[in-house]
Amino acid sequence: MAMNVVRSSESVEHLRLVCYRWPRDIAWPKRVGLALTMAVLTGLAAQVRIPLADTPVPVTGQVFMVLLSGVLLGGPWGGLSQALYVGLGAAGVPWFTGWAAGVPAGPTAGYLMGFIVAASWIGWVTDRFTWARFFVPQLALMMVGVAVILTLGAVGFHLTTGLGLVATLKAAFVPFVFVDLFKAIAAAGISSTLLPKRSGDTGMCNGR
């Protein structure tokens, strides 16, 4: 019985490793395709929109996809997926919130920049440190990613609206902390379940 449990555990870990390495080992055109796919998913998640009172910034599903993109694709490619989302949206692809498109210049522009930084950071740490693949460190990484998104979002909000520090925090930061914490918990639960835990499986894959 114990041997069967060990073999089952090894099989699960092997499956995790195969799934983890596949997007990191495939040829670079396919990796670009995966990054574009994640950008599309982020665009679809942007349409999950809950308006809030006293702020022009809505709650959306984007952050959840951003947090997972670095884990699923690896740091540089997770960051690329969000750069494609922002860049193609600026070029005219209507997948920003409310099916909008155009150069980000309003109060939500800073959040979009934060997407790129957060995805790159989470993926970079996850790829290089095996200890970061368990739930608690993944949750810590996700929370840092949320903090980056909200901080850059608040900076962009301040620059575009001219509101003071307190008013900016009330409109662009504080309303989103609680809901984004739940997104971070959900993302960490998924990522820590999918990621391989073996020492040495650092994911330092060059691709082609």
N, C-alpha and C. Protein backbone atom coordinates (compact mmCIF):
# COMPACT_ATOMS: atom_id res chain seq x y z
N MET A 1 0.83 -1.20 0.00
CA MET A 1 0.00 0.00 0.00
C MET A 1 0.86 1.26 0.00
N ALA A 2 1.87 1.27 0.90
CA ALA A 2 2.78 2.42 0.98
C ALA A 2 3.54 2.60 -0.33
N MET A 3 3.95 1.48 -0.94
CA MET A 3 4.68 1.56 -2.20
C MET A 3 3.81 2.16 -3.30
N ASN A 4 2.52 1.79 -3.31
CA ASN A 4 1.60 2.35 -4.31
C ASN A 4 1.43 3.85 -4.13
N VAL A 5 1.39 4.28 -2.86
CA VAL A 5 1.27 5.72 -2.59
C VAL A 5 2.50 6.45 -3.09
N VAL A 6 3.68 5.87 -2.85
CA VAL A 6 4.93 6.49 -3.31
C VAL A 6 4.96 6.58 -4.82
N ARG A 7 4.57 5.49 -5.48
CA ARG A 7 4.57 5.48 -6.95
C ARG A 7 3.57 6.49 -7.50
N SER A 8 2.42 6.59 -6.85
CA SER A 8 1.42 7.58 -7.28
C SER A 8 1.95 8.99 -7.12
N SER A 9 2.62 9.23 -6.01
CA SER A 9 3.20 10.56 -5.77
C SER A 9 4.26 10.88 -6.80
N GLU A 10 5.09 9.89 -7.14
CA GLU A 10 6.13 10.09 -8.14
C GLU A 10 5.52 10.35 -9.51
N SER A 11 4.43 9.67 -9.82
CA SER A 11 3.76 9.87 -11.10
C SER A 11 3.19 11.29 -11.21
N VAL A 12 2.60 11.77 -10.12
CA VAL A 12 2.06 13.13 -10.11
C VAL A 12 3.18 14.14 -10.28
N GLU A 13 4.29 13.91 -9.58
CA GLU A 13 5.41 14.85 -9.68
C GLU A 13 6.01 14.84 -11.08
N HIS A 14 6.08 13.66 -11.69
CA HIS A 14 6.59 13.58 -13.06
C HIS A 14 5.68 14.33 -14.02
N LEU A 15 4.36 14.18 -13.84
CA LEU A 15 3.41 14.90 -14.69
C LEU A 15 3.56 16.40 -14.51
N ARG A 16 3.73 16.84 -13.26
CA ARG A 16 3.97 18.27 -13.01
C ARG A 16 5.19 18.77 -13.75
N LEU A 17 6.27 17.98 -13.68
CA LEU A 17 7.52 18.39 -14.33
C LEU A 17 7.37 18.47 -15.83
N VAL A 18 6.69 17.48 -16.43
CA VAL A 18 6.48 17.49 -17.88
C VAL A 18 5.68 18.71 -18.30
N CYS A 19 4.61 18.99 -17.57
CA CYS A 19 3.76 20.14 -17.91
C CYS A 19 4.49 21.45 -17.70
N TYR A 20 5.35 21.49 -16.68
CA TYR A 20 6.11 22.70 -16.38
C TYR A 20 7.14 23.00 -17.46
N ARG A 21 7.85 21.96 -17.89
CA ARG A 21 8.96 22.17 -18.82
C ARG A 21 8.50 22.36 -20.26
N TRP A 22 7.32 21.82 -20.60
CA TRP A 22 6.88 21.88 -22.00
C TRP A 22 6.86 23.30 -22.55
N PRO A 23 6.20 24.28 -21.91
CA PRO A 23 6.19 25.62 -22.51
C PRO A 23 7.54 26.31 -22.45
N ARG A 24 8.47 25.78 -21.66
CA ARG A 24 9.79 26.39 -21.53
C ARG A 24 10.81 25.77 -22.48
N ASP A 25 10.48 24.60 -23.05
CA ASP A 25 11.41 23.88 -23.92
C ASP A 25 11.03 23.93 -25.40
N ILE A 26 9.81 24.32 -25.70
CA ILE A 26 9.40 24.32 -27.10
C ILE A 26 10.07 25.45 -27.87
N ALA A 27 10.04 25.37 -29.19
CA ALA A 27 10.66 26.38 -30.04
C ALA A 27 10.04 27.75 -29.79
N TRP A 28 10.85 28.80 -29.99
CA TRP A 28 10.40 30.14 -29.59
C TRP A 28 9.15 30.62 -30.34
N PRO A 29 8.91 30.25 -31.61
CA PRO A 29 7.65 30.70 -32.22
C PRO A 29 6.42 30.17 -31.49
N LYS A 30 6.52 28.92 -31.00
CA LYS A 30 5.40 28.36 -30.24
C LYS A 30 5.26 29.06 -28.89
N ARG A 31 6.39 29.47 -28.32
CA ARG A 31 6.33 30.20 -27.05
C ARG A 31 5.68 31.56 -27.24
N VAL A 32 5.95 32.19 -28.37
CA VAL A 32 5.27 33.45 -28.68
C VAL A 32 3.77 33.20 -28.81
N GLY A 33 3.41 32.06 -29.44
CA GLY A 33 2.01 31.71 -29.57
C GLY A 33 1.34 31.51 -28.22
N LEU A 34 2.05 30.88 -27.28
CA LEU A 34 1.51 30.70 -25.94
C LEU A 34 1.35 32.04 -25.23
N ALA A 35 2.35 32.92 -25.43
CA ALA A 35 2.26 34.25 -24.83
C ALA A 35 1.06 35.01 -25.38
N LEU A 36 0.82 34.88 -26.68
CA LEU A 36 -0.33 35.53 -27.29
C LEU A 36 -1.64 34.94 -26.76
N THR A 37 -1.64 33.62 -26.56
CA THR A 37 -2.83 32.98 -25.99
C THR A 37 -3.13 33.53 -24.60
N MET A 38 -2.09 33.69 -23.78
CA MET A 38 -2.29 34.24 -22.45
C MET A 38 -2.75 35.69 -22.53
N ALA A 39 -2.27 36.43 -23.52
CA ALA A 39 -2.74 37.80 -23.71
C ALA A 39 -4.24 37.81 -24.05
N VAL A 40 -4.67 36.87 -24.88
CA VAL A 40 -6.09 36.77 -25.22
C VAL A 40 -6.92 36.45 -23.98
N LEU A 41 -6.43 35.53 -23.16
CA LEU A 41 -7.14 35.18 -21.93
C LEU A 41 -7.22 36.37 -20.98
N THR A 42 -6.15 37.16 -20.94
CA THR A 42 -6.19 38.37 -20.12
C THR A 42 -7.23 39.34 -20.65
N GLY A 43 -7.31 39.44 -21.98
CA GLY A 43 -8.32 40.31 -22.58
C GLY A 43 -9.73 39.85 -22.29
N LEU A 44 -9.94 38.55 -22.30
CA LEU A 44 -11.27 38.02 -21.96
C LEU A 44 -11.60 38.27 -20.49
N ALA A 45 -10.58 38.08 -19.64
CA ALA A 45 -10.78 38.32 -18.21
C ALA A 45 -11.07 39.79 -17.92
N ALA A 46 -10.58 40.67 -18.79
CA ALA A 46 -10.83 42.10 -18.60
C ALA A 46 -12.30 42.44 -18.74
N GLN A 47 -13.06 41.57 -19.40
CA GLN A 47 -14.48 41.85 -19.60
C GLN A 47 -15.33 41.45 -18.39
N VAL A 48 -14.69 40.73 -17.44
CA VAL A 48 -15.34 40.48 -16.15
C VAL A 48 -15.16 41.75 -15.33
N ARG A 49 -16.15 42.58 -15.31
CA ARG A 49 -16.00 43.96 -14.82
C ARG A 49 -17.07 44.29 -13.78
N ILE A 50 -16.60 44.77 -12.62
CA ILE A 50 -17.51 45.18 -11.55
C ILE A 50 -17.21 46.64 -11.21
N PRO A 51 -18.07 47.57 -11.62
CA PRO A 51 -17.84 48.98 -11.30
C PRO A 51 -17.93 49.23 -9.80
N LEU A 52 -17.14 50.18 -9.33
CA LEU A 52 -17.15 50.56 -7.92
C LEU A 52 -17.57 52.02 -7.79
N ALA A 53 -18.17 52.34 -6.66
CA ALA A 53 -18.53 53.73 -6.39
C ALA A 53 -17.28 54.53 -6.03
N ASP A 54 -17.28 55.79 -6.37
CA ASP A 54 -16.23 56.73 -5.97
C ASP A 54 -14.87 56.47 -6.62
N THR A 55 -14.83 55.68 -7.69
CA THR A 55 -13.59 55.48 -8.42
C THR A 55 -13.92 55.09 -9.86
N PRO A 56 -13.17 55.61 -10.82
CA PRO A 56 -13.40 55.21 -12.22
C PRO A 56 -12.76 53.87 -12.58
N VAL A 57 -12.03 53.29 -11.64
CA VAL A 57 -11.33 52.03 -11.89
C VAL A 57 -12.20 50.87 -11.41
N PRO A 58 -12.58 49.95 -12.30
CA PRO A 58 -13.42 48.82 -11.89
C PRO A 58 -12.60 47.64 -11.40
N VAL A 59 -13.24 46.73 -10.72
CA VAL A 59 -12.65 45.42 -10.44
C VAL A 59 -12.81 44.56 -11.68
N THR A 60 -11.74 43.91 -12.12
CA THR A 60 -11.80 43.04 -13.29
C THR A 60 -11.11 41.71 -12.99
N GLY A 61 -11.17 40.80 -13.96
CA GLY A 61 -10.52 39.51 -13.81
C GLY A 61 -9.09 39.49 -14.30
N GLN A 62 -8.59 40.61 -14.80
CA GLN A 62 -7.26 40.63 -15.40
C GLN A 62 -6.15 40.20 -14.45
N VAL A 63 -6.19 40.71 -13.23
CA VAL A 63 -5.09 40.46 -12.28
C VAL A 63 -4.88 38.97 -12.08
N PHE A 64 -5.95 38.19 -12.01
CA PHE A 64 -5.82 36.75 -11.82
C PHE A 64 -5.00 36.12 -12.94
N MET A 65 -5.27 36.49 -14.19
CA MET A 65 -4.53 35.94 -15.32
C MET A 65 -3.08 36.44 -15.31
N VAL A 66 -2.87 37.68 -14.91
CA VAL A 66 -1.52 38.22 -14.84
C VAL A 66 -0.68 37.43 -13.85
N LEU A 67 -1.24 37.15 -12.68
CA LEU A 67 -0.51 36.43 -11.64
C LEU A 67 -0.09 35.03 -12.09
N LEU A 68 -0.93 34.40 -12.91
CA LEU A 68 -0.62 33.04 -13.37
C LEU A 68 0.28 33.02 -14.60
N SER A 69 0.33 34.10 -15.35
CA SER A 69 1.04 34.07 -16.63
C SER A 69 2.54 33.80 -16.47
N GLY A 70 3.17 34.41 -15.47
CA GLY A 70 4.59 34.17 -15.27
C GLY A 70 4.88 32.75 -14.83
N VAL A 71 4.00 32.19 -13.99
CA VAL A 71 4.17 30.82 -13.52
C VAL A 71 4.01 29.83 -14.67
N LEU A 72 3.00 30.04 -15.50
CA LEU A 72 2.71 29.09 -16.58
C LEU A 72 3.72 29.16 -17.72
N LEU A 73 4.20 30.37 -18.03
CA LEU A 73 5.06 30.55 -19.20
C LEU A 73 6.53 30.77 -18.86
N GLY A 74 6.85 31.12 -17.63
CA GLY A 74 8.20 31.53 -17.27
C GLY A 74 8.31 33.04 -17.30
N GLY A 75 9.26 33.57 -16.54
CA GLY A 75 9.35 35.02 -16.35
C GLY A 75 9.33 35.87 -17.60
N PRO A 76 10.31 35.72 -18.50
CA PRO A 76 10.34 36.59 -19.69
C PRO A 76 9.10 36.44 -20.56
N TRP A 77 8.61 35.20 -20.70
CA TRP A 77 7.49 34.96 -21.60
C TRP A 77 6.16 35.33 -20.95
N GLY A 78 6.07 35.20 -19.64
CA GLY A 78 4.90 35.71 -18.95
C GLY A 78 4.82 37.22 -19.07
N GLY A 79 5.98 37.87 -18.90
CA GLY A 79 6.04 39.31 -19.10
C GLY A 79 5.69 39.69 -20.53
N LEU A 80 6.17 38.89 -21.49
CA LEU A 80 5.86 39.16 -22.90
C LEU A 80 4.36 39.05 -23.16
N SER A 81 3.70 38.08 -22.52
CA SER A 81 2.26 37.93 -22.74
C SER A 81 1.52 39.21 -22.34
N GLN A 82 1.95 39.83 -21.25
CA GLN A 82 1.30 41.06 -20.82
C GLN A 82 1.73 42.26 -21.66
N ALA A 83 2.97 42.24 -22.15
CA ALA A 83 3.41 43.29 -23.06
C ALA A 83 2.62 43.22 -24.37
N LEU A 84 2.33 41.99 -24.82
CA LEU A 84 1.50 41.84 -26.02
C LEU A 84 0.09 42.32 -25.75
N TYR A 85 -0.43 42.03 -24.56
CA TYR A 85 -1.77 42.49 -24.22
C TYR A 85 -1.85 44.01 -24.26
N VAL A 86 -0.88 44.66 -23.63
CA VAL A 86 -0.89 46.13 -23.59
C VAL A 86 -0.58 46.71 -24.97
N GLY A 87 0.44 46.16 -25.64
CA GLY A 87 0.87 46.71 -26.92
C GLY A 87 -0.16 46.55 -28.02
N LEU A 88 -0.74 45.35 -28.12
CA LEU A 88 -1.74 45.13 -29.16
C LEU A 88 -3.03 45.89 -28.86
N GLY A 89 -3.35 46.03 -27.58
CA GLY A 89 -4.50 46.85 -27.21
C GLY A 89 -4.29 48.30 -27.60
N ALA A 90 -3.06 48.78 -27.38
CA ALA A 90 -2.73 50.15 -27.78
C ALA A 90 -2.79 50.31 -29.29
N ALA A 91 -2.46 49.22 -30.03
CA ALA A 91 -2.47 49.27 -31.49
C ALA A 91 -3.86 49.14 -32.09
N GLY A 92 -4.84 48.82 -31.25
CA GLY A 92 -6.21 48.78 -31.77
C GLY A 92 -7.00 47.52 -31.51
N VAL A 93 -6.38 46.49 -30.91
CA VAL A 93 -7.14 45.27 -30.60
C VAL A 93 -8.08 45.58 -29.44
N PRO A 94 -9.39 45.43 -29.60
CA PRO A 94 -10.35 45.86 -28.57
C PRO A 94 -10.54 44.84 -27.46
N TRP A 95 -9.53 44.69 -26.62
CA TRP A 95 -9.64 43.71 -25.53
C TRP A 95 -9.32 44.30 -24.17
N PHE A 96 -9.23 45.63 -24.06
CA PHE A 96 -9.20 46.24 -22.74
C PHE A 96 -10.61 46.18 -22.14
N THR A 97 -10.73 46.57 -20.88
CA THR A 97 -12.03 46.50 -20.20
C THR A 97 -13.11 47.22 -20.99
N GLY A 98 -14.27 46.57 -21.15
CA GLY A 98 -15.35 47.15 -21.94
C GLY A 98 -15.11 47.06 -23.43
N TRP A 99 -14.25 46.13 -23.87
CA TRP A 99 -13.89 45.95 -25.27
C TRP A 99 -13.30 47.23 -25.87
N ALA A 100 -12.57 47.96 -25.06
CA ALA A 100 -11.93 49.20 -25.51
C ALA A 100 -10.55 48.91 -26.08
N ALA A 101 -10.03 49.87 -26.84
CA ALA A 101 -8.68 49.79 -27.41
C ALA A 101 -8.11 51.20 -27.45
N GLY A 102 -6.81 51.29 -27.72
CA GLY A 102 -6.16 52.58 -27.82
C GLY A 102 -5.02 52.73 -26.84
N VAL A 103 -4.19 53.73 -27.05
CA VAL A 103 -3.03 53.95 -26.20
C VAL A 103 -3.49 54.21 -24.77
N PRO A 104 -2.99 53.42 -23.79
CA PRO A 104 -3.40 53.63 -22.40
C PRO A 104 -2.94 54.99 -21.89
N ALA A 105 -3.87 55.87 -21.59
CA ALA A 105 -3.51 57.21 -21.12
C ALA A 105 -4.41 57.69 -20.00
N GLY A 106 -5.40 56.88 -19.62
CA GLY A 106 -6.34 57.29 -18.59
C GLY A 106 -5.92 56.83 -17.21
N PRO A 107 -6.82 56.84 -16.26
CA PRO A 107 -6.48 56.49 -14.87
C PRO A 107 -6.12 55.02 -14.66
N THR A 108 -6.36 54.16 -15.65
CA THR A 108 -6.01 52.75 -15.50
C THR A 108 -4.69 52.39 -16.17
N ALA A 109 -4.01 53.35 -16.77
CA ALA A 109 -2.80 53.05 -17.53
C ALA A 109 -1.71 52.45 -16.67
N GLY A 110 -1.55 52.94 -15.45
CA GLY A 110 -0.50 52.43 -14.58
C GLY A 110 -0.67 50.97 -14.23
N TYR A 111 -1.90 50.54 -14.09
CA TYR A 111 -2.16 49.12 -13.79
C TYR A 111 -1.65 48.23 -14.92
N LEU A 112 -1.85 48.67 -16.15
CA LEU A 112 -1.41 47.89 -17.30
C LEU A 112 0.10 47.73 -17.32
N MET A 113 0.82 48.79 -16.96
CA MET A 113 2.27 48.69 -16.86
C MET A 113 2.67 47.72 -15.75
N GLY A 114 1.89 47.76 -14.66
CA GLY A 114 2.15 46.85 -13.55
C GLY A 114 1.97 45.39 -13.92
N PHE A 115 1.06 45.11 -14.87
CA PHE A 115 0.86 43.74 -15.32
C PHE A 115 2.17 43.14 -15.84
N ILE A 116 2.88 43.90 -16.64
CA ILE A 116 4.12 43.40 -17.26
C ILE A 116 5.17 43.11 -16.19
N VAL A 117 5.33 44.05 -15.27
CA VAL A 117 6.34 43.90 -14.21
C VAL A 117 6.00 42.73 -13.30
N ALA A 118 4.74 42.62 -12.89
CA ALA A 118 4.34 41.57 -11.96
C ALA A 118 4.51 40.19 -12.56
N ALA A 119 4.07 40.00 -13.81
CA ALA A 119 4.20 38.70 -14.45
C ALA A 119 5.66 38.29 -14.59
N SER A 120 6.50 39.24 -14.97
CA SER A 120 7.93 38.96 -15.13
C SER A 120 8.56 38.57 -13.79
N TRP A 121 8.23 39.29 -12.74
CA TRP A 121 8.80 39.04 -11.42
C TRP A 121 8.39 37.67 -10.88
N ILE A 122 7.11 37.37 -10.93
CA ILE A 122 6.62 36.09 -10.40
C ILE A 122 7.24 34.93 -11.15
N GLY A 123 7.28 35.02 -12.47
CA GLY A 123 7.86 33.95 -13.27
C GLY A 123 9.34 33.79 -13.05
N TRP A 124 10.06 34.89 -12.90
CA TRP A 124 11.52 34.85 -12.68
C TRP A 124 11.85 34.13 -11.39
N VAL A 125 11.18 34.46 -10.30
CA VAL A 125 11.46 33.83 -9.02
C VAL A 125 11.05 32.36 -9.04
N THR A 126 9.89 32.07 -9.59
CA THR A 126 9.39 30.70 -9.63
C THR A 126 10.31 29.80 -10.43
N ASP A 127 10.84 30.29 -11.53
CA ASP A 127 11.72 29.49 -12.38
C ASP A 127 13.04 29.16 -11.69
N ARG A 128 13.56 30.07 -10.88
CA ARG A 128 14.90 29.93 -10.36
C ARG A 128 15.01 29.33 -8.98
N PHE A 129 13.93 29.30 -8.22
CA PHE A 129 14.01 28.82 -6.85
C PHE A 129 12.92 27.78 -6.59
N THR A 130 13.35 26.54 -6.34
CA THR A 130 12.40 25.46 -6.10
C THR A 130 11.55 25.73 -4.86
N TRP A 131 12.15 26.33 -3.84
CA TRP A 131 11.40 26.60 -2.61
C TRP A 131 10.22 27.54 -2.85
N ALA A 132 10.27 28.30 -3.94
CA ALA A 132 9.21 29.26 -4.22
C ALA A 132 7.97 28.63 -4.84
N ARG A 133 7.99 27.30 -5.02
CA ARG A 133 6.89 26.64 -5.71
C ARG A 133 5.84 26.05 -4.78
N PHE A 134 6.03 26.22 -3.49
CA PHE A 134 5.03 25.76 -2.52
C PHE A 134 4.03 26.88 -2.26
N PHE A 135 2.93 26.52 -1.58
CA PHE A 135 1.82 27.47 -1.47
C PHE A 135 2.20 28.78 -0.79
N VAL A 136 2.83 28.72 0.37
CA VAL A 136 3.11 29.96 1.11
C VAL A 136 4.03 30.90 0.33
N PRO A 137 5.17 30.41 -0.20
CA PRO A 137 5.98 31.33 -1.01
C PRO A 137 5.28 31.80 -2.28
N GLN A 138 4.47 30.93 -2.88
CA GLN A 138 3.71 31.37 -4.06
C GLN A 138 2.74 32.49 -3.68
N LEU A 139 2.08 32.34 -2.53
CA LEU A 139 1.17 33.38 -2.08
C LEU A 139 1.92 34.68 -1.83
N ALA A 140 3.11 34.57 -1.24
CA ALA A 140 3.91 35.77 -1.01
C ALA A 140 4.28 36.44 -2.33
N LEU A 141 4.66 35.64 -3.33
CA LEU A 141 4.99 36.19 -4.65
C LEU A 141 3.78 36.86 -5.28
N MET A 142 2.62 36.20 -5.18
CA MET A 142 1.41 36.77 -5.76
C MET A 142 1.05 38.09 -5.08
N MET A 143 1.24 38.15 -3.77
CA MET A 143 0.92 39.38 -3.05
C MET A 143 1.88 40.50 -3.43
N VAL A 144 3.15 40.16 -3.65
CA VAL A 144 4.09 41.17 -4.15
C VAL A 144 3.66 41.64 -5.53
N GLY A 145 3.23 40.69 -6.38
CA GLY A 145 2.74 41.06 -7.70
C GLY A 145 1.55 42.00 -7.62
N VAL A 146 0.61 41.70 -6.72
CA VAL A 146 -0.54 42.58 -6.52
C VAL A 146 -0.10 43.96 -6.06
N ALA A 147 0.87 43.98 -5.12
CA ALA A 147 1.36 45.27 -4.62
C ALA A 147 1.99 46.10 -5.74
N VAL A 148 2.73 45.42 -6.63
CA VAL A 148 3.35 46.12 -7.76
C VAL A 148 2.27 46.71 -8.67
N ILE A 149 1.26 45.91 -8.99
CA ILE A 149 0.18 46.37 -9.87
C ILE A 149 -0.56 47.55 -9.26
N LEU A 150 -0.91 47.43 -7.99
CA LEU A 150 -1.66 48.50 -7.34
C LEU A 150 -0.82 49.76 -7.16
N THR A 151 0.47 49.59 -6.86
CA THR A 151 1.33 50.76 -6.68
C THR A 151 1.51 51.52 -7.99
N LEU A 152 1.84 50.80 -9.06
CA LEU A 152 2.00 51.47 -10.35
C LEU A 152 0.65 52.02 -10.83
N GLY A 153 -0.42 51.30 -10.52
CA GLY A 153 -1.75 51.81 -10.87
C GLY A 153 -2.06 53.11 -10.16
N ALA A 154 -1.71 53.18 -8.87
CA ALA A 154 -1.96 54.40 -8.11
C ALA A 154 -1.10 55.56 -8.62
N VAL A 155 0.14 55.26 -8.99
CA VAL A 155 1.01 56.31 -9.54
C VAL A 155 0.42 56.85 -10.84
N GLY A 156 0.01 55.94 -11.72
CA GLY A 156 -0.61 56.37 -12.98
C GLY A 156 -1.89 57.14 -12.75
N PHE A 157 -2.67 56.69 -11.78
CA PHE A 157 -3.92 57.37 -11.45
C PHE A 157 -3.64 58.80 -10.98
N HIS A 158 -2.64 58.95 -10.13
CA HIS A 158 -2.28 60.28 -9.63
C HIS A 158 -1.81 61.19 -10.76
N LEU A 159 -0.99 60.66 -11.65
CA LEU A 159 -0.45 61.47 -12.74
C LEU A 159 -1.53 61.92 -13.72
N THR A 160 -2.55 61.08 -13.91
CA THR A 160 -3.59 61.42 -14.89
C THR A 160 -4.74 62.22 -14.30
N THR A 161 -4.95 62.11 -12.99
CA THR A 161 -6.07 62.82 -12.37
C THR A 161 -5.63 64.05 -11.58
N GLY A 162 -4.37 64.05 -11.12
CA GLY A 162 -3.89 65.17 -10.33
C GLY A 162 -4.37 65.18 -8.90
N LEU A 163 -5.02 64.10 -8.45
CA LEU A 163 -5.49 64.03 -7.07
C LEU A 163 -4.31 63.89 -6.11
N GLY A 164 -4.53 64.28 -4.86
CA GLY A 164 -3.50 64.16 -3.84
C GLY A 164 -3.30 62.72 -3.40
N LEU A 165 -2.35 62.52 -2.50
CA LEU A 165 -1.97 61.17 -2.08
C LEU A 165 -3.13 60.42 -1.43
N VAL A 166 -3.79 61.04 -0.47
CA VAL A 166 -4.87 60.37 0.24
C VAL A 166 -6.02 60.03 -0.70
N ALA A 167 -6.41 60.98 -1.52
CA ALA A 167 -7.51 60.74 -2.46
C ALA A 167 -7.13 59.66 -3.47
N THR A 168 -5.88 59.65 -3.90
CA THR A 168 -5.42 58.63 -4.84
C THR A 168 -5.47 57.25 -4.22
N LEU A 169 -5.00 57.13 -2.98
CA LEU A 169 -5.03 55.83 -2.31
C LEU A 169 -6.46 55.34 -2.12
N LYS A 170 -7.36 56.24 -1.78
CA LYS A 170 -8.76 55.87 -1.58
C LYS A 170 -9.42 55.41 -2.87
N ALA A 171 -9.02 55.98 -3.99
CA ALA A 171 -9.67 55.67 -5.27
C ALA A 171 -8.95 54.58 -6.06
N ALA A 172 -7.63 54.47 -5.91
CA ALA A 172 -6.86 53.62 -6.82
C ALA A 172 -6.15 52.46 -6.14
N PHE A 173 -6.12 52.42 -4.82
CA PHE A 173 -5.36 51.37 -4.13
C PHE A 173 -6.23 50.60 -3.14
N VAL A 174 -6.76 51.30 -2.16
CA VAL A 174 -7.47 50.65 -1.05
C VAL A 174 -8.66 49.81 -1.50
N PRO A 175 -9.49 50.26 -2.46
CA PRO A 175 -10.68 49.46 -2.82
C PRO A 175 -10.37 48.09 -3.39
N PHE A 176 -9.12 47.89 -3.83
CA PHE A 176 -8.79 46.66 -4.55
C PHE A 176 -7.97 45.68 -3.73
N VAL A 177 -7.53 46.09 -2.55
CA VAL A 177 -6.64 45.24 -1.76
C VAL A 177 -7.33 43.94 -1.37
N PHE A 178 -8.54 44.03 -0.86
CA PHE A 178 -9.23 42.85 -0.36
C PHE A 178 -9.54 41.86 -1.48
N VAL A 179 -10.11 42.33 -2.57
CA VAL A 179 -10.49 41.42 -3.65
C VAL A 179 -9.26 40.85 -4.35
N ASP A 180 -8.20 41.65 -4.47
CA ASP A 180 -6.99 41.13 -5.10
C ASP A 180 -6.25 40.14 -4.20
N LEU A 181 -6.45 40.24 -2.89
CA LEU A 181 -5.90 39.24 -1.99
C LEU A 181 -6.53 37.88 -2.27
N PHE A 182 -7.83 37.85 -2.51
CA PHE A 182 -8.50 36.59 -2.85
C PHE A 182 -8.00 36.06 -4.19
N LYS A 183 -7.75 36.95 -5.14
CA LYS A 183 -7.18 36.51 -6.41
C LYS A 183 -5.80 35.90 -6.21
N ALA A 184 -5.01 36.51 -5.33
CA ALA A 184 -3.67 36.00 -5.04
C ALA A 184 -3.74 34.62 -4.39
N ILE A 185 -4.68 34.43 -3.47
CA ILE A 185 -4.84 33.13 -2.81
C ILE A 185 -5.23 32.06 -3.83
N ALA A 186 -6.19 32.40 -4.70
CA ALA A 186 -6.64 31.44 -5.71
C ALA A 186 -5.51 31.12 -6.69
N ALA A 187 -4.78 32.13 -7.13
CA ALA A 187 -3.68 31.90 -8.07
C ALA A 187 -2.59 31.07 -7.43
N ALA A 188 -2.27 31.33 -6.16
CA ALA A 188 -1.24 30.57 -5.46
C ALA A 188 -1.67 29.12 -5.26
N GLY A 189 -2.96 28.90 -5.01
CA GLY A 189 -3.46 27.54 -4.88
C GLY A 189 -3.29 26.75 -6.16
N ILE A 190 -3.59 27.39 -7.28
CA ILE A 190 -3.45 26.72 -8.58
C ILE A 190 -1.99 26.50 -8.91
N SER A 191 -1.17 27.54 -8.77
CA SER A 191 0.24 27.44 -9.17
C SER A 191 1.00 26.43 -8.32
N SER A 192 0.77 26.43 -7.00
CA SER A 192 1.49 25.50 -6.13
C SER A 192 1.06 24.06 -6.37
N THR A 193 -0.14 23.86 -6.87
CA THR A 193 -0.60 22.51 -7.23
C THR A 193 0.05 22.02 -8.51
N LEU A 194 0.27 22.93 -9.45
CA LEU A 194 0.80 22.55 -10.76
C LEU A 194 2.32 22.46 -10.81
N LEU A 195 3.01 23.20 -9.97
CA LEU A 195 4.46 23.32 -10.09
C LEU A 195 5.19 22.11 -9.52
N PRO A 196 6.28 21.65 -10.18
CA PRO A 196 7.09 20.56 -9.65
C PRO A 196 7.88 21.04 -8.43
N LYS A 197 8.13 20.13 -7.49
CA LYS A 197 8.78 20.50 -6.24
C LYS A 197 10.18 19.91 -6.08
N ARG A 198 10.63 19.10 -7.01
CA ARG A 198 11.92 18.44 -6.86
C ARG A 198 13.06 19.44 -6.85
N SER A 199 14.02 19.20 -6.00
CA SER A 199 15.22 20.02 -5.97
C SER A 199 15.99 19.83 -7.26
N GLY A 200 16.37 20.93 -7.87
CA GLY A 200 17.12 20.87 -9.13
C GLY A 200 16.28 21.09 -10.34
N ASP A 201 14.92 21.00 -10.22
CA ASP A 201 14.03 21.27 -11.35
C ASP A 201 13.79 22.76 -11.43
N THR A 202 14.85 23.51 -11.72
CA THR A 202 14.78 24.96 -11.65
C THR A 202 14.23 25.61 -12.89
N GLY A 203 13.97 24.83 -13.92
CA GLY A 203 13.32 25.39 -15.10
C GLY A 203 14.20 26.30 -15.90
N MET A 204 15.53 26.13 -15.79
CA MET A 204 16.42 26.99 -16.56
C MET A 204 16.52 26.48 -17.98
N CYS A 205 15.44 26.62 -18.72
CA CYS A 205 15.34 26.09 -20.07
C CYS A 205 15.60 27.21 -21.06
N ASN A 206 16.40 26.94 -22.03
CA ASN A 206 16.76 27.96 -23.01
C ASN A 206 15.75 28.09 -24.13
N GLY A 207 15.04 27.01 -24.43
CA GLY A 207 14.15 27.05 -25.60
C GLY A 207 14.99 27.15 -26.86
N ARG A 208 14.29 27.38 -28.00
CA ARG A 208 15.03 27.47 -29.26
C ARG A 208 14.38 28.53 -30.13
